Amino acid sequence: MIVFTVTSVIQAGREREALEHFRVLIQETRKEPGSMGYYVHRSAEDPRRFVLYEQWADQPALDRHRAAPHFMEHGVNGVQTLAESRTLELLDLVE
């Protein structure tokens, strides 16, 4: 399983636009084969900061997601263009 977070700080005044992109990403990504969890959180302390938590069955599932039209439109050409900064963190499961 592949698990990671992406923290994006959205440009001031573009938060509503980012939310629209995130909502489409949530709806479409959760339908994808191999998507085991896809959650977007908004900071209660900084409304410009969003944290995306993703779980994927394997690398091929993640690769398919990254090639999906909805990801290109709402992720790469949507949220990512609105981000002032973006940080990805790969996570290991503690058992």
N, C-alpha and C. Protein backbone atom coordinates (compact mmCIF):
# COMPACT_ATOMS: atom_id res chain seq x y z
N MET A 1 0.85 -1.17 0.00
CA MET A 1 0.00 0.00 0.00
C MET A 1 0.90 1.24 0.00
N ILE A 2 0.47 2.25 -0.73
CA ILE A 2 1.17 3.53 -0.79
C ILE A 2 0.29 4.58 -0.10
N VAL A 3 0.88 5.30 0.84
CA VAL A 3 0.15 6.31 1.60
C VAL A 3 0.99 7.58 1.63
N PHE A 4 0.35 8.70 1.36
CA PHE A 4 1.05 9.97 1.45
C PHE A 4 0.08 11.10 1.69
N THR A 5 0.65 12.24 2.10
CA THR A 5 -0.11 13.47 2.24
C THR A 5 0.46 14.50 1.29
N VAL A 6 -0.40 15.40 0.88
CA VAL A 6 0.03 16.56 0.11
C VAL A 6 -0.57 17.77 0.81
N THR A 7 0.30 18.67 1.25
CA THR A 7 -0.15 19.90 1.90
C THR A 7 0.02 21.04 0.91
N SER A 8 -1.09 21.72 0.62
CA SER A 8 -1.07 22.85 -0.31
C SER A 8 -1.54 24.11 0.39
N VAL A 9 -0.78 25.17 0.23
CA VAL A 9 -1.20 26.48 0.69
C VAL A 9 -1.66 27.23 -0.56
N ILE A 10 -2.94 27.59 -0.57
CA ILE A 10 -3.57 28.19 -1.74
C ILE A 10 -3.38 29.71 -1.73
N GLN A 11 -3.21 30.26 -2.89
CA GLN A 11 -3.08 31.72 -3.03
C GLN A 11 -4.28 32.41 -2.38
N ALA A 12 -4.01 33.51 -1.70
CA ALA A 12 -5.08 34.27 -1.04
C ALA A 12 -6.17 34.65 -2.03
N GLY A 13 -7.42 34.43 -1.63
CA GLY A 13 -8.55 34.76 -2.47
C GLY A 13 -8.94 33.69 -3.47
N ARG A 14 -8.19 32.60 -3.54
CA ARG A 14 -8.48 31.52 -4.50
C ARG A 14 -8.98 30.25 -3.82
N GLU A 15 -9.31 30.35 -2.52
CA GLU A 15 -9.71 29.17 -1.75
C GLU A 15 -10.99 28.53 -2.28
N ARG A 16 -11.97 29.32 -2.66
CA ARG A 16 -13.24 28.77 -3.17
C ARG A 16 -13.00 27.99 -4.46
N GLU A 17 -12.17 28.54 -5.31
CA GLU A 17 -11.81 27.87 -6.56
C GLU A 17 -11.12 26.53 -6.28
N ALA A 18 -10.22 26.52 -5.31
CA ALA A 18 -9.54 25.28 -4.93
C ALA A 18 -10.54 24.26 -4.40
N LEU A 19 -11.48 24.71 -3.57
CA LEU A 19 -12.50 23.79 -3.04
C LEU A 19 -13.30 23.12 -4.15
N GLU A 20 -13.63 23.86 -5.19
CA GLU A 20 -14.37 23.29 -6.32
C GLU A 20 -13.56 22.18 -6.99
N HIS A 21 -12.28 22.42 -7.19
CA HIS A 21 -11.40 21.39 -7.78
C HIS A 21 -11.28 20.19 -6.86
N PHE A 22 -11.07 20.44 -5.56
CA PHE A 22 -10.95 19.34 -4.61
C PHE A 22 -12.21 18.48 -4.59
N ARG A 23 -13.37 19.10 -4.64
CA ARG A 23 -14.63 18.32 -4.59
C ARG A 23 -14.77 17.38 -5.78
N VAL A 24 -14.37 17.83 -6.96
CA VAL A 24 -14.40 16.94 -8.13
C VAL A 24 -13.38 15.83 -7.96
N LEU A 25 -12.19 16.18 -7.52
CA LEU A 25 -11.15 15.16 -7.31
C LEU A 25 -11.61 14.09 -6.32
N ILE A 26 -12.22 14.52 -5.22
CA ILE A 26 -12.71 13.57 -4.22
C ILE A 26 -13.72 12.62 -4.86
N GLN A 27 -14.71 13.18 -5.51
CA GLN A 27 -15.79 12.37 -6.10
C GLN A 27 -15.25 11.37 -7.13
N GLU A 28 -14.40 11.83 -8.02
CA GLU A 28 -13.92 10.97 -9.11
C GLU A 28 -12.84 9.99 -8.65
N THR A 29 -11.95 10.43 -7.79
CA THR A 29 -10.85 9.58 -7.37
C THR A 29 -11.33 8.40 -6.54
N ARG A 30 -12.32 8.62 -5.71
CA ARG A 30 -12.83 7.52 -4.88
C ARG A 30 -13.46 6.40 -5.70
N LYS A 31 -13.78 6.66 -6.95
CA LYS A 31 -14.35 5.64 -7.84
C LYS A 31 -13.26 4.79 -8.50
N GLU A 32 -12.03 5.23 -8.44
CA GLU A 32 -10.95 4.57 -9.17
C GLU A 32 -10.56 3.23 -8.55
N PRO A 33 -10.28 2.23 -9.39
CA PRO A 33 -9.76 0.96 -8.88
C PRO A 33 -8.42 1.20 -8.19
N GLY A 34 -8.26 0.64 -7.02
CA GLY A 34 -7.02 0.78 -6.28
C GLY A 34 -6.98 1.96 -5.34
N SER A 35 -7.99 2.83 -5.39
CA SER A 35 -8.07 3.95 -4.44
C SER A 35 -8.65 3.41 -3.14
N MET A 36 -7.86 3.48 -2.08
CA MET A 36 -8.27 2.92 -0.79
C MET A 36 -8.64 4.02 0.21
N GLY A 37 -8.39 5.26 -0.14
CA GLY A 37 -8.72 6.38 0.71
C GLY A 37 -8.25 7.66 0.06
N TYR A 38 -9.13 8.65 0.03
CA TYR A 38 -8.79 9.93 -0.59
C TYR A 38 -9.57 11.00 0.17
N TYR A 39 -8.87 11.72 1.05
CA TYR A 39 -9.53 12.66 1.94
C TYR A 39 -8.84 14.01 1.88
N VAL A 40 -9.63 15.06 1.81
CA VAL A 40 -9.09 16.42 1.82
C VAL A 40 -9.55 17.09 3.11
N HIS A 41 -8.60 17.68 3.81
CA HIS A 41 -8.87 18.40 5.05
C HIS A 41 -8.45 19.84 4.87
N ARG A 42 -9.18 20.74 5.51
CA ARG A 42 -8.84 22.15 5.51
C ARG A 42 -8.45 22.55 6.92
N SER A 43 -7.35 23.25 7.05
CA SER A 43 -6.86 23.66 8.36
C SER A 43 -7.88 24.56 9.06
N ALA A 44 -8.12 24.28 10.33
CA ALA A 44 -8.99 25.13 11.14
C ALA A 44 -8.27 26.41 11.54
N GLU A 45 -6.94 26.40 11.45
CA GLU A 45 -6.14 27.56 11.85
C GLU A 45 -5.75 28.45 10.67
N ASP A 46 -5.64 27.86 9.49
CA ASP A 46 -5.24 28.61 8.30
C ASP A 46 -6.12 28.15 7.14
N PRO A 47 -7.18 28.88 6.80
CA PRO A 47 -8.12 28.43 5.77
C PRO A 47 -7.52 28.32 4.37
N ARG A 48 -6.30 28.77 4.20
CA ARG A 48 -5.63 28.63 2.91
C ARG A 48 -4.88 27.31 2.81
N ARG A 49 -4.74 26.57 3.91
CA ARG A 49 -3.96 25.34 3.93
C ARG A 49 -4.88 24.11 3.87
N PHE A 50 -4.63 23.27 2.88
CA PHE A 50 -5.39 22.04 2.67
C PHE A 50 -4.43 20.86 2.75
N VAL A 51 -4.87 19.79 3.39
CA VAL A 51 -4.07 18.58 3.50
C VAL A 51 -4.84 17.44 2.86
N LEU A 52 -4.24 16.84 1.87
CA LEU A 52 -4.82 15.71 1.15
C LEU A 52 -4.16 14.44 1.67
N TYR A 53 -4.96 13.46 2.05
CA TYR A 53 -4.47 12.17 2.54
C TYR A 53 -4.92 11.11 1.54
N GLU A 54 -3.94 10.38 0.98
CA GLU A 54 -4.24 9.38 -0.05
C GLU A 54 -3.71 8.01 0.34
N GLN A 55 -4.49 6.97 0.00
CA GLN A 55 -4.07 5.58 0.17
C GLN A 55 -4.33 4.87 -1.16
N TRP A 56 -3.31 4.18 -1.65
CA TRP A 56 -3.41 3.45 -2.91
C TRP A 56 -2.98 2.00 -2.72
N ALA A 57 -3.64 1.10 -3.43
CA ALA A 57 -3.33 -0.33 -3.31
C ALA A 57 -1.91 -0.64 -3.75
N ASP A 58 -1.46 0.04 -4.83
CA ASP A 58 -0.13 -0.23 -5.37
C ASP A 58 0.28 0.88 -6.33
N GLN A 59 1.50 0.80 -6.83
CA GLN A 59 2.01 1.83 -7.73
C GLN A 59 1.23 1.92 -9.04
N PRO A 60 0.83 0.80 -9.66
CA PRO A 60 0.04 0.92 -10.89
C PRO A 60 -1.28 1.69 -10.68
N ALA A 61 -1.92 1.52 -9.53
CA ALA A 61 -3.17 2.26 -9.25
C ALA A 61 -2.87 3.75 -9.15
N LEU A 62 -1.79 4.10 -8.47
CA LEU A 62 -1.41 5.51 -8.35
C LEU A 62 -1.03 6.08 -9.72
N ASP A 63 -0.33 5.31 -10.53
CA ASP A 63 0.05 5.76 -11.87
C ASP A 63 -1.19 6.01 -12.74
N ARG A 64 -2.18 5.13 -12.65
CA ARG A 64 -3.44 5.32 -13.40
C ARG A 64 -4.13 6.60 -12.95
N HIS A 65 -4.14 6.83 -11.64
CA HIS A 65 -4.75 8.05 -11.10
C HIS A 65 -4.07 9.29 -11.67
N ARG A 66 -2.77 9.29 -11.65
CA ARG A 66 -2.01 10.46 -12.12
C ARG A 66 -2.18 10.70 -13.62
N ALA A 67 -2.62 9.69 -14.36
CA ALA A 67 -2.87 9.84 -15.80
C ALA A 67 -4.34 10.10 -16.11
N ALA A 68 -5.21 10.04 -15.10
CA ALA A 68 -6.66 10.19 -15.31
C ALA A 68 -7.01 11.63 -15.72
N PRO A 69 -7.97 11.77 -16.63
CA PRO A 69 -8.37 13.11 -17.08
C PRO A 69 -8.80 14.03 -15.94
N HIS A 70 -9.53 13.51 -14.95
CA HIS A 70 -9.97 14.38 -13.85
C HIS A 70 -8.79 14.85 -13.01
N PHE A 71 -7.75 14.03 -12.87
CA PHE A 71 -6.57 14.47 -12.13
C PHE A 71 -5.82 15.55 -12.90
N MET A 72 -5.70 15.37 -14.20
CA MET A 72 -5.01 16.37 -15.02
C MET A 72 -5.76 17.71 -14.96
N GLU A 73 -7.09 17.66 -15.10
CA GLU A 73 -7.88 18.89 -15.14
C GLU A 73 -7.97 19.58 -13.78
N HIS A 74 -8.28 18.81 -12.74
CA HIS A 74 -8.57 19.42 -11.43
C HIS A 74 -7.39 19.38 -10.46
N GLY A 75 -6.44 18.49 -10.73
CA GLY A 75 -5.24 18.43 -9.90
C GLY A 75 -4.12 19.26 -10.51
N VAL A 76 -3.53 18.75 -11.58
CA VAL A 76 -2.39 19.41 -12.22
C VAL A 76 -2.73 20.80 -12.72
N ASN A 77 -3.83 20.92 -13.47
CA ASN A 77 -4.21 22.21 -14.06
C ASN A 77 -5.22 22.98 -13.21
N GLY A 78 -5.51 22.46 -12.02
CA GLY A 78 -6.47 23.10 -11.12
C GLY A 78 -5.79 23.50 -9.83
N VAL A 79 -5.86 22.62 -8.84
CA VAL A 79 -5.33 22.92 -7.51
C VAL A 79 -3.85 23.30 -7.56
N GLN A 80 -3.07 22.56 -8.33
CA GLN A 80 -1.63 22.83 -8.35
C GLN A 80 -1.32 24.23 -8.88
N THR A 81 -2.12 24.75 -9.78
CA THR A 81 -1.88 26.10 -10.31
C THR A 81 -2.29 27.17 -9.31
N LEU A 82 -3.13 26.80 -8.34
CA LEU A 82 -3.60 27.75 -7.33
C LEU A 82 -2.73 27.76 -6.08
N ALA A 83 -1.82 26.78 -6.00
CA ALA A 83 -1.01 26.63 -4.79
C ALA A 83 0.18 27.58 -4.76
N GLU A 84 0.34 28.22 -3.63
CA GLU A 84 1.52 29.04 -3.36
C GLU A 84 2.69 28.13 -3.01
N SER A 85 2.37 27.05 -2.28
CA SER A 85 3.37 26.04 -1.95
C SER A 85 2.68 24.68 -1.87
N ARG A 86 3.48 23.64 -2.04
CA ARG A 86 2.95 22.28 -2.06
C ARG A 86 4.02 21.35 -1.54
N THR A 87 3.66 20.50 -0.56
CA THR A 87 4.63 19.58 0.02
C THR A 87 4.01 18.18 0.05
N LEU A 88 4.74 17.21 -0.48
CA LEU A 88 4.31 15.82 -0.47
C LEU A 88 5.13 15.06 0.56
N GLU A 89 4.46 14.22 1.36
CA GLU A 89 5.17 13.41 2.34
C GLU A 89 4.69 11.96 2.23
N LEU A 90 5.61 11.06 1.90
CA LEU A 90 5.33 9.63 1.84
C LEU A 90 5.33 9.08 3.26
N LEU A 91 4.34 8.24 3.58
CA LEU A 91 4.19 7.73 4.94
C LEU A 91 4.38 6.22 4.98
N ASP A 92 4.96 5.73 6.07
CA ASP A 92 5.09 4.29 6.34
C ASP A 92 4.14 3.92 7.46
N LEU A 93 3.48 2.79 7.31
CA LEU A 93 2.55 2.29 8.32
C LEU A 93 3.32 1.75 9.52
N VAL A 94 2.90 2.13 10.70
CA VAL A 94 3.47 1.60 11.93
C VAL A 94 2.57 0.49 12.42
N GLU A 95 3.15 -0.68 12.63
CA GLU A 95 2.34 -1.83 13.08
C GLU A 95 2.87 -2.36 14.39
